[in-house]
């Protein structure tokens, strides 16, 4: 960088200057070390220089190299109107002191902005701010090119003396260190964010591949049943009862595949945040009764009793804010899961109670099964998660938790509720479903 406006050799700093400069530099370096925001660091630098140069008002502008524009960095003593007026100014050979310094990479001294030709387009805003002189020095980065400008203003015509030149040189270097450090931190953060995004995308892709593989595995059995019974119908002369039985098996298998595909689509829509949910006041007792009715046959096959506490402790108001169809889907998933994994001849109970603040209803689904394996609890809402192999088991379990709990968890969150595991152990499992009450409900 050259300095054509300087004609006098710069002296050594005064002893008092050197002592105070060292103290100020230490303060600024401490701010950089504790990762203070760049604006705070630059403000500290400018305030320090203004203390050493009474009557000076200083600013730092940051250069956008791609656009060729200067933007506000810090200016603790300049009027906000002036700061706003020059924010985003284009650099060039006649763009005031700062724009010219950044464009030509030289220090620019405008002893009197009223007569300096480089200030033709900025004289009025300078006059309105009470500024008469401006001396701007390029702030150079690690690559030796400007990253900003360091400006010193006065309210009267002024030419910097050698002491002031040396002080500004020292503080300009300090500003360069602060800007370079901030940009290094920003670049490092951007790299980390990009790496995190890449890993997340890879994990998501891997999870989706695993999900597709698991869905394909689960769909294979009913599809094979459909194919087998269809071949049976086509190749054998069956009597009416056996033909009807084969058709029933085909219908059941096809229904299972359709349910599976529906769950996969719903889960995908939830992940994309495009699943339609219509929130309205819903009678919780009615929805529980509907779910029990749809699950009665499944519960009967396992001789499981379904018990429903009709929420009498809610003082007659059974309503929650939710999507009736989706809430029924959640309860069916949760109760069916308890029936399937509970002990034969056991019971599944659904009860509800108000939360302490009265804003929500807590629905509890209790079963008396063996409980969820501890290693599976952290992944209980992950599609097709499996428990770790049991070394004491005669045969390793291949059963996973499927899609039901993951889908239920997503649906509840879409209804502004929460789903969690309350307890789980040899005595059974409790699932806690919290749903908000409609506005204006009892408290």
Protein backbone atom coordinates (compact mmCIF):
# COMPACT_ATOMS: atom_id res chain seq x y z
CA UNK A 1 0.00 0.00 0.00
CA UNK A 2 1.30 3.46 -0.83
CA UNK A 3 0.55 6.75 0.91
CA UNK A 4 1.00 9.67 -1.52
CA UNK A 5 -0.68 12.14 0.82
CA UNK A 6 1.98 11.70 3.54
CA UNK A 7 5.05 13.90 3.31
CA UNK A 8 6.53 13.85 6.82
CA UNK A 9 8.46 10.90 8.31
CA UNK A 10 6.55 9.26 11.15
CA UNK A 11 8.23 9.62 14.58
CA UNK A 12 8.27 7.08 17.36
CA UNK A 13 5.23 7.18 19.63
CA UNK A 14 5.35 9.27 22.76
CA UNK A 15 5.95 7.26 25.92
CA UNK A 16 2.42 8.01 27.13
CA UNK A 17 1.02 6.98 23.74
CA UNK A 18 2.98 3.73 23.74
CA UNK A 19 1.81 2.79 27.22
CA UNK A 20 -1.84 3.53 26.47
CA UNK A 21 -1.62 1.90 23.04
CA UNK A 22 -0.31 -1.30 24.65
CA UNK A 23 -3.19 -1.31 27.14
CA UNK A 24 -5.75 -0.72 24.39
CA UNK A 25 -4.21 -3.40 22.18
CA UNK A 26 -4.36 -5.86 25.06
CA UNK A 27 -8.05 -5.10 25.62
CA UNK A 28 -8.84 -5.57 21.94
CA UNK A 29 -6.86 -8.82 21.68
CA UNK A 30 -8.73 -10.13 24.72
CA UNK A 31 -12.02 -9.39 22.95
CA UNK A 32 -10.79 -11.25 19.87
CA UNK A 33 -9.65 -14.18 22.04
CA UNK A 34 -13.07 -14.54 23.67
CA UNK A 35 -14.73 -14.50 20.24
CA UNK A 36 -16.57 -11.23 20.76
CA UNK A 37 -18.69 -10.14 17.76
CA UNK A 38 -16.72 -8.25 15.12
CA UNK A 39 -18.80 -5.09 15.58
CA UNK A 40 -17.97 -5.08 19.30
CA UNK A 41 -14.24 -5.54 18.61
CA UNK A 42 -14.14 -2.81 15.97
CA UNK A 43 -16.08 -0.45 18.23
CA UNK A 44 -13.48 -1.05 20.95
CA UNK A 45 -10.67 -0.28 18.50
CA UNK A 46 -12.30 2.96 17.33
CA UNK A 47 -13.15 4.09 20.86
CA UNK A 48 -9.51 3.53 21.86
CA UNK A 49 -8.20 5.63 18.97
CA UNK A 50 -10.73 8.39 19.62
CA UNK A 51 -9.47 8.48 23.21
CA UNK A 52 -5.89 8.97 21.97
CA UNK A 53 -6.95 11.54 19.33
CA UNK A 54 -9.38 14.01 20.96
CA UNK A 55 -11.78 15.54 18.44
CA UNK A 56 -11.52 12.64 16.01
CA UNK A 57 -14.54 10.57 15.00
CA UNK A 58 -13.64 7.20 13.49
CA UNK A 59 -15.31 4.49 11.45
CA UNK A 60 -14.58 1.13 9.83
CA UNK A 61 -16.28 0.07 6.61
CA UNK A 62 -16.09 -3.54 5.40
CA UNK A 63 -15.48 -4.26 1.72
CA UNK A 64 -17.66 -6.65 -0.26
CA UNK A 65 -15.17 -7.60 -2.94
CA UNK A 66 -17.69 -9.33 -5.18
CA UNK A 67 -20.03 -6.33 -5.36
CA UNK A 68 -17.39 -3.64 -4.97
CA UNK A 69 -19.29 -1.95 -2.14
CA UNK A 70 -18.48 -0.80 1.39
CA UNK A 71 -20.70 -1.66 4.36
CA UNK A 72 -20.98 -0.51 7.96
CA UNK A 73 -18.58 -2.17 10.38
CA UNK A 74 -18.47 0.23 13.33
CA UNK A 75 -18.77 3.98 13.93
CA UNK A 76 -19.39 4.77 17.61
CA UNK A 77 -19.32 8.58 17.24
CA UNK A 78 -20.82 9.24 13.81
CA UNK A 79 -24.50 10.20 13.33
CA UNK A 80 -26.73 7.27 12.35
CA UNK A 81 -28.05 9.24 9.38
CA UNK A 82 -24.54 9.55 7.96
CA UNK A 83 -23.71 5.89 8.69
CA UNK A 84 -26.87 4.82 6.88
CA UNK A 85 -26.22 7.14 3.93
CA UNK A 86 -22.79 5.66 3.14
CA UNK A 87 -23.67 2.04 3.92
CA UNK A 88 -23.45 0.12 0.65
CA UNK A 89 -21.56 2.85 -1.25
CA UNK A 90 -19.75 1.74 -4.41
CA UNK A 91 -15.97 2.09 -4.44
CA UNK A 92 -14.24 4.09 -7.15
CA UNK A 93 -11.69 6.83 -7.89
CA UNK A 94 -14.10 9.61 -6.87
CA UNK A 95 -16.08 7.96 -4.07
CA UNK A 96 -15.09 10.13 -1.13
CA UNK A 97 -12.10 9.15 0.96
CA UNK A 98 -13.20 5.61 1.87
CA UNK A 99 -14.49 4.54 -1.54
CA UNK A 100 -11.36 5.89 -3.22
CA UNK A 101 -9.00 4.32 -0.65
CA UNK A 102 -10.63 0.90 -1.13
CA UNK A 103 -10.58 1.17 -4.92
CA UNK A 104 -6.97 2.36 -5.28
CA UNK A 105 -5.50 0.69 -2.15
CA UNK A 106 -3.92 3.96 -0.99
CA UNK A 107 -4.48 6.24 1.97
CA UNK A 108 -6.66 9.19 0.98
CA UNK A 109 -6.63 12.48 2.89
CA UNK A 110 -9.38 15.00 2.21
CA UNK A 111 -8.22 17.99 4.25
CA UNK A 112 -11.45 19.81 3.44
CA UNK A 113 -14.29 17.77 1.96
CA UNK A 114 -15.97 20.96 0.71
CA UNK A 115 -13.23 21.48 -1.85
CA UNK A 116 -11.88 17.97 -2.44
CA UNK A 117 -13.02 16.77 -5.91
CA UNK A 118 -13.35 13.19 -4.66
CA UNK A 119 -16.17 14.33 -2.36
CA UNK A 120 -18.43 15.98 -4.95
CA UNK A 121 -21.17 13.39 -4.48
CA UNK A 122 -20.93 13.32 -0.68
CA UNK A 123 -20.49 16.94 0.40
CA UNK A 124 -24.09 17.50 1.42
CA UNK A 125 -24.37 14.43 3.65
CA UNK A 126 -20.98 15.27 5.21
CA UNK A 127 -22.10 18.84 5.91
CA UNK A 128 -25.34 17.58 7.47
CA UNK A 129 -23.30 15.36 9.79
CA UNK A 130 -20.93 18.20 10.75
CA UNK A 131 -17.91 16.59 9.07
CA UNK A 132 -15.26 18.77 7.40
CA UNK A 133 -12.25 16.48 6.86
CA UNK A 134 -11.80 12.75 6.30
CA UNK A 135 -8.68 10.64 6.18
CA UNK A 136 -9.18 7.01 5.12
CA UNK A 137 -6.67 4.15 5.17
CA UNK A 138 -7.21 0.77 3.48
CA UNK A 139 -7.38 -2.19 5.86
CA UNK A 140 -5.48 -5.00 4.18
CA UNK A 141 -6.21 -8.68 4.70
CA UNK A 142 -3.98 -11.74 4.74
CA UNK A 143 -3.71 -11.65 0.94
CA UNK A 144 -2.50 -8.04 0.91
CA UNK A 145 -5.71 -6.76 -0.65
CA UNK A 146 -8.20 -4.36 0.98
CA UNK A 147 -10.88 -5.87 3.23
CA UNK A 148 -12.18 -2.51 4.43
CA UNK A 149 -11.29 1.08 5.29
CA UNK A 150 -10.33 2.88 8.50
CA UNK A 151 -11.53 6.50 8.46
CA UNK A 152 -10.80 9.43 10.78
CA UNK A 153 -13.12 12.46 10.58
CA UNK A 154 -12.85 15.94 12.08
CA UNK A 155 -15.34 18.79 12.34
CA UNK A 156 -12.80 21.23 10.86
CA UNK A 157 -10.27 21.10 8.02
CA UNK A 158 -7.45 18.85 9.19
CA UNK A 159 -4.31 17.16 7.89
CA UNK A 160 -2.94 14.27 9.99
CA UNK A 161 0.39 14.83 11.71
CA UNK A 162 3.08 12.14 11.98
CA UNK A 163 1.93 11.03 15.45
CA UNK A 164 -1.63 10.56 14.21
CA UNK A 165 -0.38 8.67 11.17
CA UNK A 166 1.52 6.24 13.36
CA UNK A 167 -1.43 5.74 15.71
CA UNK A 168 -3.79 5.07 12.81
CA UNK A 169 -1.30 2.62 11.29
CA UNK A 170 -1.20 0.66 14.56
CA UNK A 171 -4.97 0.59 14.97
CA UNK A 172 -5.56 -0.18 11.29
CA UNK A 173 -3.35 -3.25 11.70
CA UNK A 174 -5.35 -4.22 14.79
CA UNK A 175 -8.59 -3.88 12.80
CA UNK A 176 -7.07 -6.08 10.08
CA UNK A 177 -6.32 -8.78 12.67
CA UNK A 178 -9.89 -8.57 14.00
CA UNK A 179 -11.48 -8.75 10.53
CA UNK A 180 -9.25 -11.62 9.40
CA UNK A 181 -10.02 -13.54 12.59
CA UNK A 182 -13.76 -12.98 12.20
CA UNK A 183 -13.66 -14.15 8.60
CA UNK A 184 -11.60 -17.22 9.53
CA UNK A 185 -14.20 -18.07 12.17
CA UNK A 186 -16.99 -17.50 9.64
CA UNK A 187 -15.25 -19.67 7.03
CA UNK A 188 -14.64 -22.40 9.60
CA UNK A 189 -18.28 -22.26 10.69
CA UNK A 190 -19.42 -22.44 7.07
CA UNK A 191 -17.21 -25.48 6.48
CA UNK A 192 -18.55 -27.15 9.61
CA UNK A 193 -22.14 -26.40 8.61
CA UNK A 194 -21.49 -27.76 5.12
CA UNK A 195 -19.89 -30.89 6.56
CA UNK A 196 -22.77 -31.32 9.01
CA UNK A 197 -25.28 -30.89 6.18
CA UNK A 198 -23.38 -33.44 4.07
CA UNK A 199 -23.29 -35.97 6.91
CA UNK A 200 -26.95 -35.35 7.70
CA UNK A 201 -27.84 -35.91 4.05
CA UNK A 202 -25.80 -39.12 4.00
CA UNK A 203 -27.43 -40.33 7.23
CA UNK A 204 -30.86 -39.42 5.89
CA UNK A 205 -30.14 -41.23 2.64
CA UNK A 206 -28.92 -44.27 4.58
CA UNK A 207 -31.98 -44.14 6.84
CA UNK A 208 -34.29 -43.97 3.83
CA UNK A 209 -32.55 -46.92 2.21
CA UNK A 210 -32.95 -48.88 5.45
CA UNK A 211 -36.60 -47.84 5.62
CA UNK A 212 -37.22 -48.95 2.04
CA UNK A 213 -35.48 -52.25 2.73
CA UNK A 214 -37.56 -52.78 5.88
CA UNK A 215 -40.81 -51.88 4.11
CA UNK A 216 -39.91 -54.20 1.26
CA UNK A 217 -39.20 -57.00 3.71
CA UNK A 218 -42.49 -56.46 5.54
CA UNK A 219 -44.46 -56.26 2.29
CA UNK A 220 -42.88 -59.43 0.88
CA UNK A 221 -44.90 -61.84 3.05
CA UNK A 222 -48.40 -60.49 2.23
CA UNK A 223 -47.46 -60.11 -1.44
CA UNK A 224 -46.30 -63.72 -1.53
CA UNK A 225 -49.61 -64.70 0.10
CA UNK A 226 -51.55 -62.79 -2.57
CA UNK A 227 -49.56 -64.45 -5.36
CA UNK A 228 -49.88 -67.90 -3.77
CA UNK A 229 -53.62 -67.77 -3.24
CA UNK A 230 -54.15 -66.22 -6.69
CA UNK A 231 -52.26 -69.14 -8.24
CA UNK A 232 -54.30 -71.53 -6.11
CA UNK A 233 -57.53 -70.01 -7.42
CA UNK A 234 -56.29 -70.22 -10.99
CA UNK A 235 -54.93 -73.76 -11.00
CA UNK A 236 -57.21 -75.71 -8.67
CA UNK A 237 -60.92 -76.44 -8.80
CA UNK A 238 -61.91 -75.29 -5.30
CA UNK A 239 -65.31 -75.64 -3.71
CA UNK A 240 -67.10 -72.45 -2.70
CA UNK A 241 -66.02 -72.37 0.99
CA UNK A 242 -62.34 -72.87 0.11
CA UNK A 243 -62.54 -70.36 -2.72
CA UNK A 244 -64.11 -67.83 -0.35
CA UNK A 245 -61.39 -68.51 2.23
CA UNK A 246 -58.66 -67.94 -0.38
CA UNK A 247 -60.28 -64.66 -1.41
CA UNK A 248 -60.42 -63.58 2.24
CA UNK A 249 -56.69 -64.29 2.61
CA UNK A 250 -55.98 -62.28 -0.54
CA UNK A 251 -58.10 -59.39 0.73
CA UNK A 252 -56.41 -59.40 4.14
CA UNK A 253 -52.92 -59.48 2.60
CA UNK A 254 -53.80 -56.71 0.14
CA UNK A 255 -55.21 -54.63 3.00
CA UNK A 256 -51.97 -55.05 4.94
CA UNK A 257 -49.93 -53.87 1.96
CA UNK A 258 -52.24 -50.88 1.46
CA UNK A 259 -51.98 -49.95 5.16
CA UNK A 260 -48.21 -50.23 4.95
CA UNK A 261 -48.02 -47.99 1.89
CA UNK A 262 -50.39 -45.50 3.52
CA UNK A 263 -48.16 -45.33 6.62
CA UNK A 264 -45.06 -44.81 4.49
CA UNK A 265 -46.74 -41.98 2.56
CA UNK A 266 -47.98 -40.33 5.77
CA UNK A 267 -44.51 -40.54 7.31
CA UNK A 268 -42.96 -39.01 4.19
CA UNK A 269 -45.50 -36.17 4.22
CA UNK A 270 -44.78 -35.53 7.90
CA UNK A 271 -41.04 -35.33 7.25
CA UNK A 272 -41.71 -32.89 4.40
CA UNK A 273 -44.18 -30.93 6.59
CA UNK A 274 -46.93 -31.27 3.98
CA UNK A 275 -49.34 -33.62 5.76
CA UNK A 276 -52.70 -31.80 6.08
CA UNK A 277 -53.88 -31.51 9.68
CA UNK A 278 -57.19 -29.80 10.52
CA UNK A 279 -57.29 -28.84 14.20
CA UNK A 280 -60.72 -28.62 15.84
CA UNK A 281 -62.30 -29.47 19.21
CA UNK A 282 -62.56 -33.27 19.39
CA UNK A 283 -64.37 -35.38 22.00
CA UNK A 284 -61.61 -37.61 23.29
CA UNK A 285 -63.95 -40.23 24.74
CA UNK A 286 -65.68 -40.75 21.41
CA UNK A 287 -62.38 -41.23 19.57
CA UNK A 288 -61.16 -43.76 22.15
CA UNK A 289 -64.44 -45.70 21.76
CA UNK A 290 -64.00 -45.71 17.97
CA UNK A 291 -60.43 -47.00 18.27
CA UNK A 292 -61.51 -49.74 20.70
CA UNK A 293 -64.29 -50.78 18.33
CA UNK A 294 -61.87 -51.14 15.42
CA UNK A 295 -59.40 -53.11 17.56
CA UNK A 296 -61.88 -55.39 19.35
CA UNK A 297 -61.27 -58.34 17.01
CA UNK A 298 -57.49 -58.09 17.34
CA UNK A 299 -57.76 -57.82 21.12
CA UNK A 300 -60.18 -60.76 21.20
CA UNK A 301 -57.74 -63.03 19.40
CA UNK A 302 -55.24 -62.42 22.22
CA UNK A 303 -57.95 -62.45 24.90
CA UNK A 304 -56.89 -58.93 25.83
CA UNK A 305 -59.29 -56.63 27.69
CA UNK A 306 -59.56 -53.02 26.50
CA UNK A 307 -60.39 -50.68 29.39
CA UNK A 308 -61.44 -47.05 28.95
CA UNK A 309 -61.63 -44.47 31.74
CA UNK A 310 -64.00 -41.86 30.29
CA UNK A 311 -62.08 -38.94 31.80
CA UNK A 312 -64.57 -38.14 34.55
CA UNK A 313 -61.86 -36.13 36.30
CA UNK A 314 -62.01 -33.58 33.48
CA UNK A 315 -65.28 -32.25 34.93
CA UNK A 316 -67.36 -33.46 31.99
CA UNK A 317 -65.25 -31.85 29.28
CA UNK A 318 -63.55 -34.55 27.20
CA UNK A 319 -62.51 -32.29 24.35
CA UNK A 320 -59.00 -31.74 23.04
CA UNK A 321 -57.73 -29.70 20.10
CA UNK A 322 -56.74 -32.08 17.32
CA UNK A 323 -57.51 -33.65 13.97
CA UNK A 324 -60.17 -36.29 14.65
CA UNK A 325 -59.03 -38.71 11.94
CA UNK A 326 -55.35 -38.38 12.82
CA UNK A 327 -56.04 -38.66 16.54
CA UNK A 328 -57.95 -41.89 15.95
CA UNK A 329 -55.01 -43.11 13.85
CA UNK A 330 -52.62 -42.34 16.72
CA UNK A 331 -54.75 -44.13 19.32
CA UNK A 332 -55.19 -47.16 17.05
CA UNK A 333 -51.41 -47.37 16.58
CA UNK A 334 -50.68 -47.03 20.30
CA UNK A 335 -53.37 -49.42 21.53
CA UNK A 336 -52.66 -51.97 18.76
CA UNK A 337 -48.98 -51.86 19.69
CA UNK A 338 -49.85 -52.56 23.34
CA UNK A 339 -52.16 -55.43 22.35
CA UNK A 340 -49.57 -56.94 20.02
CA UNK A 341 -46.66 -56.76 22.48
CA UNK A 342 -48.62 -57.30 25.70
CA UNK A 343 -49.13 -60.68 27.31
CA UNK A 344 -52.02 -62.92 26.13
CA UNK A 345 -54.99 -62.54 28.43
CA UNK A 346 -53.72 -59.16 29.63
CA UNK A 347 -55.27 -55.72 29.56
CA UNK A 348 -54.74 -52.36 27.88
CA UNK A 349 -56.16 -49.32 29.67
CA UNK A 350 -56.63 -45.80 28.33
CA UNK A 351 -57.13 -43.02 30.88
CA UNK A 352 -56.87 -39.26 30.85
CA UNK A 353 -56.38 -36.36 33.22
CA UNK A 354 -55.82 -32.61 32.98
CA UNK A 355 -52.29 -31.26 33.22
CA UNK A 356 -51.59 -29.18 36.36
CA UNK A 357 -52.06 -25.88 34.52
CA UNK A 358 -55.27 -27.09 32.85
CA UNK A 359 -54.08 -26.19 29.35
CA UNK A 360 -53.74 -29.77 28.12
CA UNK A 361 -55.03 -33.30 28.58
CA UNK A 362 -52.68 -36.17 29.38
CA UNK A 363 -53.80 -39.47 27.85
CA UNK A 364 -52.10 -42.58 29.25
CA UNK A 365 -52.07 -45.96 27.48
CA UNK A 366 -51.07 -48.69 29.96
CA UNK A 367 -50.37 -52.35 29.26
CA UNK A 368 -49.10 -55.23 31.41
CA UNK A 369 -46.64 -56.68 28.91
CA UNK A 370 -42.91 -57.36 29.30
CA UNK A 371 -41.89 -53.76 28.63
CA UNK A 372 -39.66 -52.18 26.02
CA UNK A 373 -36.03 -53.37 25.94
CA UNK A 374 -33.89 -50.62 27.56
CA UNK A 375 -31.56 -50.34 24.56
CA UNK A 376 -34.57 -49.69 22.32
CA UNK A 377 -36.03 -46.84 24.40
CA UNK A 378 -33.84 -44.06 22.88
CA UNK A 379 -34.94 -45.21 19.38
CA UNK A 380 -38.54 -46.05 20.16
CA UNK A 381 -39.87 -43.50 17.65
CA UNK A 382 -37.42 -44.52 14.89
CA UNK A 383 -39.04 -46.52 12.06
CA UNK A 384 -38.22 -50.24 12.19
CA UNK A 385 -35.80 -49.93 15.09
CA UNK A 386 -34.83 -53.29 16.57
CA UNK A 387 -33.71 -54.31 20.02
CA UNK A 388 -30.19 -55.64 20.48
CA UNK A 389 -29.90 -59.46 20.32
CA UNK A 390 -30.60 -61.26 23.60
CA UNK A 391 -27.69 -63.60 24.32
CA UNK A 392 -29.90 -65.72 26.59
CA UNK A 393 -32.67 -66.15 24.03
CA UNK A 394 -32.98 -69.49 22.27
CA UNK A 395 -33.50 -67.68 18.94
CA UNK A 396 -32.68 -64.06 18.10
CA UNK A 397 -35.72 -61.84 17.68
CA UNK A 398 -36.21 -60.41 14.21
CA UNK A 399 -39.23 -58.31 15.10
CA UNK A 400 -38.96 -54.54 14.83
CA UNK A 401 -41.26 -51.81 16.11
CA UNK A 402 -42.42 -51.05 12.56
CA UNK A 403 -43.76 -47.68 11.47
CA UNK A 404 -46.61 -47.25 13.94
CA UNK A 405 -44.85 -45.46 16.80
CA UNK A 406 -42.80 -43.24 14.48
CA UNK A 407 -45.97 -42.23 12.64
CA UNK A 408 -47.89 -41.66 15.88
CA UNK A 409 -45.10 -39.47 17.22
CA UNK A 410 -45.05 -37.36 14.06
CA UNK A 411 -48.83 -36.99 13.98
CA UNK A 412 -49.00 -35.90 17.62
CA UNK A 413 -46.34 -33.26 17.05
CA UNK A 414 -48.25 -32.03 13.98
CA UNK A 415 -51.22 -31.49 16.32
CA UNK A 416 -49.07 -29.42 18.73
CA UNK A 417 -48.96 -32.28 21.21
CA UNK A 418 -46.32 -34.57 22.65
CA UNK A 419 -45.83 -38.34 22.83
CA UNK A 420 -43.38 -40.00 25.19
CA UNK A 421 -42.73 -43.19 27.14
CA UNK A 422 -43.84 -42.77 30.74
CA UNK A 423 -42.51 -46.02 32.18
CA UNK A 424 -41.43 -49.37 30.83
CA UNK A 425 -40.36 -52.53 32.60
CA UNK A 426 -41.41 -56.08 33.46
CA UNK A 427 -44.72 -54.76 34.79
CA UNK A 428 -45.69 -53.14 31.50
CA UNK A 429 -45.38 -49.92 29.54
CA UNK A 430 -47.10 -46.54 29.80
CA UNK A 431 -47.27 -44.22 26.81
CA UNK A 432 -48.06 -40.57 27.57
CA UNK A 433 -49.95 -38.56 24.98
CA UNK A 434 -50.38 -34.86 25.75
CA UNK A 435 -52.84 -32.83 23.68
CA UNK A 436 -53.86 -29.16 24.05
CA UNK A 437 -57.35 -28.19 25.06
CA UNK A 438 -59.41 -25.92 22.80
CA UNK A 439 -59.22 -22.18 23.54
CA UNK A 440 -61.74 -21.19 26.17
CA UNK A 441 -61.81 -24.66 27.75
CA UNK A 442 -61.89 -25.17 31.53
CA UNK A 443 -58.70 -24.44 33.44
